[in-house]
Protein backbone atom coordinates (compact mmCIF):
# COMPACT_ATOMS: atom_id res chain seq x y z
CA LYS A 1 -7.94 22.22 -6.42
CA LEU A 2 -7.38 18.93 -8.22
CA THR A 3 -3.98 17.74 -9.34
CA ASN A 4 -2.68 14.63 -11.05
CA GLN A 5 -0.83 13.81 -7.85
CA PHE A 6 -2.09 12.49 -4.56
CA TYR A 7 -0.07 13.31 -1.48
CA ILE A 8 0.21 11.00 1.51
CA LEU A 9 1.68 12.43 4.69
CA ASP A 10 2.28 9.88 7.41
CA CYS A 11 4.10 10.76 10.58
CA ASP A 12 4.54 9.23 13.98
CA THR A 13 3.70 11.46 16.93
CA GLU A 14 7.04 10.84 18.63
CA ASP A 15 9.08 12.01 15.62
CA ASP A 16 10.27 15.31 17.07
CA GLN A 17 12.13 16.24 13.86
CA MET A 18 9.25 15.75 11.41
CA ILE A 19 5.91 16.06 13.20
CA ASP A 20 5.70 19.88 13.13
CA MET A 21 6.78 20.05 9.47
CA ASN A 22 4.17 17.45 8.54
CA ARG A 23 1.46 19.32 10.46
CA ASP A 24 2.42 22.61 8.79
CA PHE A 25 2.44 21.04 5.32
CA HIS A 26 -0.95 19.42 6.01
CA GLN A 27 -2.36 22.84 6.95
CA LEU A 28 -0.90 24.41 3.80
CA LEU A 29 -2.38 21.72 1.56
CA THR A 30 -5.73 22.02 3.33
CA HIS A 31 -5.72 25.81 2.97
CA GLN A 32 -4.89 25.48 -0.74
CA LYS A 33 -7.63 22.83 -1.12
CA ILE A 34 -5.12 20.30 -2.41
CA GLN A 35 -6.34 16.74 -2.00
CA HIS A 36 -4.16 14.67 0.29
CA LEU A 37 -4.24 12.05 3.01
CA TYR A 38 -2.79 13.00 6.38
CA THR A 39 -2.12 10.34 8.98
CA GLU A 40 -0.61 10.84 12.40
CA SER A 41 -0.18 7.76 14.58
CA PRO A 42 1.49 6.94 17.88
CA GLY A 43 4.96 5.54 17.55
CA GLY A 44 8.56 6.37 16.87
CA HIS A 45 10.52 6.70 13.67
CA ASP A 46 11.48 3.04 13.68
CA PRO A 47 10.94 -0.19 11.71
CA LYS A 48 7.91 -1.20 13.81
CA TYR A 49 6.07 2.01 12.89
CA TRP A 50 7.07 1.96 9.22
CA ASN A 51 6.21 -1.72 8.70
CA LYS A 52 2.63 -0.94 9.74
CA SER A 53 2.55 2.35 7.88
CA LEU A 54 3.94 0.97 4.62
CA SER A 55 1.38 -1.84 4.64
CA ASN A 56 -1.39 0.77 4.84
CA GLN A 57 0.20 2.89 2.12
CA LEU A 58 0.61 -0.08 -0.23
CA ALA A 59 -3.10 -0.84 0.19
CA LEU A 60 -3.88 2.78 -0.73
CA PHE A 61 -1.60 2.59 -3.79
CA ASP A 62 -3.30 -0.62 -4.90
CA THR A 63 -6.73 1.01 -4.61
CA TYR A 64 -5.58 4.20 -6.37
CA PHE A 65 -3.82 2.53 -9.30
CA ASN A 66 -6.46 -0.14 -9.82
CA ALA A 67 -9.44 2.23 -9.69
CA GLU A 68 -11.27 2.74 -12.94
CA LYS A 69 -10.31 6.08 -14.38
């Protein structure tokens, strides 16, 4: 199923509050055949993790918004 939106789910494996919700949402999107990017990486919910993660996400945004439509 194609949508005009692209979902990015990015969670650190030591985030006890969010990891299960992110995994469940990933499974739901996969089951519904909704295009998305799911990333799970070691780390905690802290600035060190998010500095790395946001750099990767900004690169994805740049690619997405600058792609020829």
